[in-house]
Structure formats: C-alpha cells, structure tokens
Amino acid sequence: DVCSRLGRCKCSFWLAVAHDILGVLVIMVGVFGGLLIHDVFIYGGAIIIFLSLIWWVFWYSGNIEVPPEELEDDVDLMKKKKRRLSRAVRFHDVNKETM
C-alpha cells in the first residue's frame, strides 16, 4: 500500500507534491505560454516550489521516530537542569539575606 509508506504526515506530503506540481506548471506557462509577462510566471513558479520546501520539512520532521528510551533521557536531563537552577536561586537568596 502506497499510503502506508508515506508515514504519519500524509497531508504534508500531498501538500508538498501539489505545490511542486503547481510550481512546475506555472513555470511552464511562463516559459512556453508566449505571454507578455512571462517573467512573472517564471519567478512565481520558482517561489511556489521554494515554499513547498516548508511542507517537505514538515513531512520529514513529522516522520522522525525517536525511541522512548531517548525521550526519557531528555526528561531526566531537564530535571537535572531544574534542580541546578533551583539550587542556584536558593544559593543566591541565602547570600542576599546574609548581606
């Protein structure tokens, strides 16, 4: 099944593909359309393709899988940082009172 291979962010994938197709079509109209304002279509299509990178980044980052062990480790690091910060604040308060 093709949809199962797309990962969890199918909407971002299809939006990225749609923007790429739209951008290429707009560029082709600019190149082969014979219009007076062909440069607007060429630049517009390039901008649409560039903006499709946002959807590709969303799709890619949404499909990154992190093992639960690594997530738990990050939580422990945050707890340690909070403990250090609270100790520093308490130490600062104690020194402030003695002055």
N, C-alpha and C. Protein backbone atom coordinates (compact mmCIF):
# COMPACT_ATOMS: atom_id res chain seq x y z
N ASP A 1 0.83 -1.19 0.00
CA ASP A 1 0.00 0.00 0.00
C ASP A 1 0.88 1.26 0.00
N VAL A 2 0.64 2.13 -0.94
CA VAL A 2 1.45 3.34 -1.10
C VAL A 2 1.25 4.30 0.07
N CYS A 3 0.03 4.44 0.53
CA CYS A 3 -0.26 5.40 1.61
C CYS A 3 0.43 5.01 2.91
N SER A 4 0.62 3.72 3.15
CA SER A 4 1.29 3.32 4.39
C SER A 4 2.78 3.64 4.35
N ARG A 5 3.36 3.76 3.17
CA ARG A 5 4.77 4.10 3.04
C ARG A 5 5.04 5.58 3.22
N LEU A 6 4.00 6.39 3.19
CA LEU A 6 4.18 7.84 3.32
C LEU A 6 4.46 8.27 4.74
N GLY A 7 4.22 7.42 5.70
CA GLY A 7 4.46 7.76 7.09
C GLY A 7 3.24 8.37 7.74
N ARG A 8 3.48 9.09 8.82
CA ARG A 8 2.38 9.63 9.61
C ARG A 8 1.84 10.94 9.07
N CYS A 9 2.61 11.67 8.29
CA CYS A 9 2.21 13.03 7.85
C CYS A 9 1.83 13.02 6.38
N LYS A 10 0.77 12.32 6.06
CA LYS A 10 0.34 12.21 4.67
C LYS A 10 -0.12 13.54 4.10
N CYS A 11 -0.76 14.35 4.92
CA CYS A 11 -1.28 15.65 4.46
C CYS A 11 -0.13 16.56 4.03
N SER A 12 0.93 16.61 4.81
CA SER A 12 2.09 17.43 4.45
C SER A 12 2.73 16.93 3.16
N PHE A 13 2.78 15.62 3.00
CA PHE A 13 3.36 15.06 1.78
C PHE A 13 2.57 15.49 0.55
N TRP A 14 1.24 15.35 0.61
CA TRP A 14 0.43 15.68 -0.55
C TRP A 14 0.41 17.19 -0.82
N LEU A 15 0.48 18.00 0.22
CA LEU A 15 0.58 19.45 0.01
C LEU A 15 1.91 19.81 -0.65
N ALA A 16 2.99 19.14 -0.25
CA ALA A 16 4.29 19.40 -0.87
C ALA A 16 4.28 19.00 -2.34
N VAL A 17 3.72 17.84 -2.64
CA VAL A 17 3.65 17.39 -4.03
C VAL A 17 2.78 18.33 -4.86
N ALA A 18 1.65 18.75 -4.29
CA ALA A 18 0.75 19.67 -5.02
C ALA A 18 1.44 21.00 -5.31
N HIS A 19 2.17 21.52 -4.33
CA HIS A 19 2.88 22.78 -4.56
C HIS A 19 3.99 22.62 -5.60
N ASP A 20 4.68 21.48 -5.58
CA ASP A 20 5.70 21.24 -6.60
C ASP A 20 5.09 21.18 -8.00
N ILE A 21 3.99 20.46 -8.14
CA ILE A 21 3.33 20.35 -9.44
C ILE A 21 2.82 21.71 -9.90
N LEU A 22 2.18 22.45 -8.99
CA LEU A 22 1.69 23.78 -9.33
C LEU A 22 2.83 24.70 -9.74
N GLY A 23 3.94 24.65 -9.00
CA GLY A 23 5.09 25.48 -9.34
C GLY A 23 5.66 25.16 -10.71
N VAL A 24 5.76 23.88 -11.02
CA VAL A 24 6.28 23.48 -12.34
C VAL A 24 5.32 23.92 -13.44
N LEU A 25 4.02 23.78 -13.21
CA LEU A 25 3.04 24.21 -14.22
C LEU A 25 3.12 25.72 -14.45
N VAL A 26 3.26 26.49 -13.38
CA VAL A 26 3.35 27.95 -13.53
C VAL A 26 4.63 28.32 -14.28
N ILE A 27 5.73 27.64 -13.98
CA ILE A 27 6.98 27.90 -14.72
C ILE A 27 6.80 27.56 -16.19
N MET A 28 6.16 26.43 -16.49
CA MET A 28 5.96 26.04 -17.88
C MET A 28 5.08 27.04 -18.63
N VAL A 29 4.07 27.58 -17.96
CA VAL A 29 3.25 28.62 -18.59
C VAL A 29 4.12 29.84 -18.89
N GLY A 30 5.01 30.18 -17.98
CA GLY A 30 5.89 31.31 -18.21
C GLY A 30 6.88 31.08 -19.34
N VAL A 31 7.36 29.86 -19.46
CA VAL A 31 8.36 29.57 -20.49
C VAL A 31 7.71 29.39 -21.86
N PHE A 32 6.64 28.61 -21.92
CA PHE A 32 6.06 28.25 -23.21
C PHE A 32 4.76 28.96 -23.54
N GLY A 33 4.25 29.80 -22.65
CA GLY A 33 2.96 30.44 -22.86
C GLY A 33 2.97 31.58 -23.86
N GLY A 34 4.11 32.16 -24.10
CA GLY A 34 4.18 33.28 -25.04
C GLY A 34 3.48 34.52 -24.52
N LEU A 35 3.43 34.69 -23.23
CA LEU A 35 2.76 35.83 -22.63
C LEU A 35 3.73 37.01 -22.50
N LEU A 36 3.16 38.19 -22.40
CA LEU A 36 3.98 39.39 -22.24
C LEU A 36 4.66 39.42 -20.87
N ILE A 37 3.99 38.89 -19.86
CA ILE A 37 4.54 38.90 -18.51
C ILE A 37 5.07 37.51 -18.12
N HIS A 38 5.82 36.89 -19.01
CA HIS A 38 6.31 35.54 -18.78
C HIS A 38 7.25 35.47 -17.58
N ASP A 39 7.99 36.54 -17.32
CA ASP A 39 8.93 36.51 -16.21
C ASP A 39 8.22 36.42 -14.86
N VAL A 40 7.03 37.00 -14.75
CA VAL A 40 6.26 36.91 -13.51
C VAL A 40 5.88 35.45 -13.23
N PHE A 41 5.50 34.73 -14.28
CA PHE A 41 5.14 33.33 -14.11
C PHE A 41 6.36 32.48 -13.75
N ILE A 42 7.48 32.78 -14.36
CA ILE A 42 8.70 32.01 -14.06
C ILE A 42 9.12 32.23 -12.61
N TYR A 43 9.17 33.49 -12.18
CA TYR A 43 9.55 33.78 -10.79
C TYR A 43 8.49 33.27 -9.81
N GLY A 44 7.23 33.42 -10.16
CA GLY A 44 6.16 32.93 -9.29
C GLY A 44 6.22 31.42 -9.10
N GLY A 45 6.46 30.70 -10.18
CA GLY A 45 6.59 29.24 -10.07
C GLY A 45 7.78 28.83 -9.23
N ALA A 46 8.88 29.57 -9.39
CA ALA A 46 10.06 29.26 -8.57
C ALA A 46 9.78 29.52 -7.09
N ILE A 47 9.05 30.58 -6.80
CA ILE A 47 8.70 30.88 -5.40
C ILE A 47 7.78 29.81 -4.84
N ILE A 48 6.83 29.35 -5.64
CA ILE A 48 5.92 28.29 -5.17
C ILE A 48 6.69 27.01 -4.87
N ILE A 49 7.64 26.67 -5.73
CA ILE A 49 8.45 25.47 -5.49
C ILE A 49 9.31 25.67 -4.25
N PHE A 50 9.86 26.86 -4.07
CA PHE A 50 10.66 27.13 -2.88
C PHE A 50 9.82 27.00 -1.61
N LEU A 51 8.59 27.51 -1.65
CA LEU A 51 7.73 27.43 -0.47
C LEU A 51 7.26 26.01 -0.20
N SER A 52 7.30 25.14 -1.22
CA SER A 52 6.93 23.75 -0.98
C SER A 52 7.95 23.06 -0.07
N LEU A 53 9.14 23.64 0.04
CA LEU A 53 10.13 23.07 0.95
C LEU A 53 9.63 23.06 2.39
N ILE A 54 8.79 24.02 2.73
CA ILE A 54 8.21 24.05 4.08
C ILE A 54 7.42 22.77 4.34
N TRP A 55 6.60 22.38 3.36
CA TRP A 55 5.81 21.16 3.53
C TRP A 55 6.70 19.94 3.57
N TRP A 56 7.79 19.92 2.78
CA TRP A 56 8.71 18.78 2.81
C TRP A 56 9.39 18.67 4.17
N VAL A 57 9.76 19.80 4.75
CA VAL A 57 10.38 19.77 6.08
C VAL A 57 9.38 19.27 7.12
N PHE A 58 8.12 19.74 7.04
CA PHE A 58 7.09 19.25 7.96
C PHE A 58 6.92 17.74 7.82
N TRP A 59 6.87 17.26 6.58
CA TRP A 59 6.69 15.83 6.36
C TRP A 59 7.87 15.04 6.91
N TYR A 60 9.08 15.51 6.62
CA TYR A 60 10.27 14.79 7.07
C TYR A 60 10.37 14.80 8.60
N SER A 61 10.22 15.96 9.21
CA SER A 61 10.36 16.04 10.66
C SER A 61 9.22 15.33 11.38
N GLY A 62 8.07 15.25 10.76
CA GLY A 62 6.96 14.53 11.37
C GLY A 62 7.13 13.03 11.33
N ASN A 63 8.01 12.53 10.49
CA ASN A 63 8.23 11.09 10.37
C ASN A 63 9.49 10.61 11.08
N ILE A 64 10.17 11.49 11.79
CA ILE A 64 11.34 11.07 12.55
C ILE A 64 10.85 10.28 13.77
N GLU A 65 11.40 9.10 13.92
CA GLU A 65 11.00 8.26 15.04
C GLU A 65 12.10 8.26 16.09
N VAL A 66 11.72 8.58 17.31
CA VAL A 66 12.66 8.61 18.43
C VAL A 66 12.27 7.50 19.39
N PRO A 67 13.23 6.65 19.75
CA PRO A 67 12.91 5.58 20.71
C PRO A 67 12.50 6.17 22.06
N PRO A 68 11.57 5.51 22.75
CA PRO A 68 11.12 6.03 24.05
C PRO A 68 12.24 6.20 25.07
N GLU A 69 13.29 5.37 24.98
CA GLU A 69 14.40 5.49 25.93
C GLU A 69 15.08 6.84 25.80
N GLU A 70 15.24 7.32 24.57
CA GLU A 70 15.88 8.62 24.37
C GLU A 70 14.99 9.75 24.87
N LEU A 71 13.69 9.61 24.72
CA LEU A 71 12.79 10.63 25.23
C LEU A 71 12.84 10.70 26.75
N GLU A 72 12.92 9.54 27.40
CA GLU A 72 13.01 9.52 28.86
C GLU A 72 14.32 10.15 29.31
N ASP A 73 15.39 9.93 28.57
CA ASP A 73 16.68 10.52 28.93
C ASP A 73 16.61 12.04 28.86
N ASP A 74 15.93 12.57 27.86
CA ASP A 74 15.79 14.01 27.75
C ASP A 74 15.03 14.58 28.94
N VAL A 75 14.03 13.84 29.42
CA VAL A 75 13.26 14.30 30.57
C VAL A 75 14.16 14.35 31.80
N ASP A 76 15.01 13.34 31.98
CA ASP A 76 15.92 13.33 33.12
C ASP A 76 16.89 14.50 33.05
N LEU A 77 17.35 14.84 31.86
CA LEU A 77 18.25 15.98 31.73
C LEU A 77 17.56 17.26 32.14
N MET A 78 16.30 17.40 31.78
CA MET A 78 15.57 18.61 32.17
C MET A 78 15.40 18.67 33.68
N LYS A 79 15.14 17.53 34.32
CA LYS A 79 15.00 17.52 35.77
C LYS A 79 16.30 17.95 36.44
N LYS A 80 17.43 17.47 35.90
CA LYS A 80 18.72 17.85 36.48
C LYS A 80 18.97 19.34 36.31
N LYS A 81 18.63 19.89 35.15
CA LYS A 81 18.82 21.32 34.93
C LYS A 81 17.95 22.14 35.87
N LYS A 82 16.72 21.68 36.09
CA LYS A 82 15.82 22.40 37.01
C LYS A 82 16.36 22.35 38.43
N ARG A 83 16.92 21.21 38.83
CA ARG A 83 17.49 21.11 40.17
C ARG A 83 18.66 22.07 40.33
N ARG A 84 19.53 22.12 39.32
CA ARG A 84 20.67 23.04 39.38
C ARG A 84 20.20 24.48 39.44
N LEU A 85 19.19 24.81 38.67
CA LEU A 85 18.67 26.18 38.66
C LEU A 85 18.06 26.52 40.01
N SER A 86 17.30 25.61 40.60
CA SER A 86 16.68 25.91 41.89
C SER A 86 17.74 26.03 42.98
N ARG A 87 18.80 25.23 42.89
CA ARG A 87 19.90 25.36 43.86
C ARG A 87 20.58 26.72 43.72
N ALA A 88 20.78 27.13 42.48
CA ALA A 88 21.43 28.43 42.25
C ALA A 88 20.57 29.56 42.77
N VAL A 89 19.27 29.46 42.59
CA VAL A 89 18.37 30.51 43.08
C VAL A 89 18.37 30.52 44.60
N ARG A 90 18.32 29.34 45.23
CA ARG A 90 18.36 29.28 46.69
C ARG A 90 19.68 29.82 47.23
N PHE A 91 20.78 29.48 46.58
CA PHE A 91 22.09 29.96 47.00
C PHE A 91 22.15 31.48 46.88
N HIS A 92 21.60 32.01 45.81
CA HIS A 92 21.57 33.46 45.61
C HIS A 92 20.72 34.12 46.68
N ASP A 93 19.58 33.53 47.02
CA ASP A 93 18.70 34.09 48.04
C ASP A 93 19.36 34.06 49.42
N VAL A 94 20.07 32.98 49.74
CA VAL A 94 20.75 32.86 51.03
C VAL A 94 21.85 33.90 51.14
N ASN A 95 22.63 34.08 50.08
CA ASN A 95 23.70 35.08 50.09
C ASN A 95 23.13 36.49 50.18
N LYS A 96 22.00 36.71 49.60
CA LYS A 96 21.37 38.03 49.61
C LYS A 96 20.91 38.39 51.02
N GLU A 97 20.41 37.40 51.77
CA GLU A 97 19.92 37.64 53.12
C GLU A 97 21.06 37.91 54.10
N THR A 98 22.23 37.30 53.87
CA THR A 98 23.34 37.48 54.80
C THR A 98 24.02 38.82 54.64
N MET A 99 23.81 39.50 53.54
CA MET A 99 24.46 40.80 53.33
C MET A 99 23.76 41.90 53.99
